[in-house]
Amino acid sequence: MKVIEEEEKKLEAITGKKDKGREGTDKNDYQTELAEARIRAQQKLEAATVQVMQEGYEKRRKLAKLEYQEELSRIERQEKKLTDKLDRAKQSGKKVSQDEYKQVQSDAGTERAAALLIYEGELDKINKEAIEKERKKLEEYAKQFQGYITKRTSTEKSFDDKRDVLQLSLIHISEPTRH
């Protein structure tokens, strides 16, 4: 709540408007501004969380998600701004068709779809990098394991050869000498 209050004070300082009894349009404006302040506070919290995370793929995924959410917020604000302009034009007596409202919604939908594609592409890229790194690590482990197997086989063969030599030596030692 403290973050929201700080955002409200910043908004008041920027706009020079104070809550006017929360009636009529001012009440709607106040609620909209309050909702936007909450969204900004949530985004700041998520950004701070991402900053303290260790570098790595999870941090990059969170950062991509945060950027996607910020882009969606921007699109939503832009859509609302354009819809409000159309509403004001209609109230001032200008003819505004439903097609114009639909176009604003359509454009916003297209931007949301593009933002989603960018987000999914970024996640795909991050995941491919993570998979490739893991594959290389597993290959390295396999090489090391193969090296251990080769060393073990070599050691066993050497042991068997030495044992055979010792057994032959024992046989020669235990046999009576014939002269």
Foldseek 3Di string as FASTA:
>chain_A
DVQLVVQVVVVCVVVVDDQDVLDDPSVVVVVVSSVVSVVVVVLVVLVVVLVPDDDDLVSQLSVLVSVLVVQLVVLVVVLVVQVVVLVVCVVVPHDDDVVSNVVSVVVSVVSNVVSVVVSVVSNVVSVVVVVVVVVVVVVVVVVVVVVVVVVVVVVVVVVVVVVVVVVVVVVVVPDDDDD
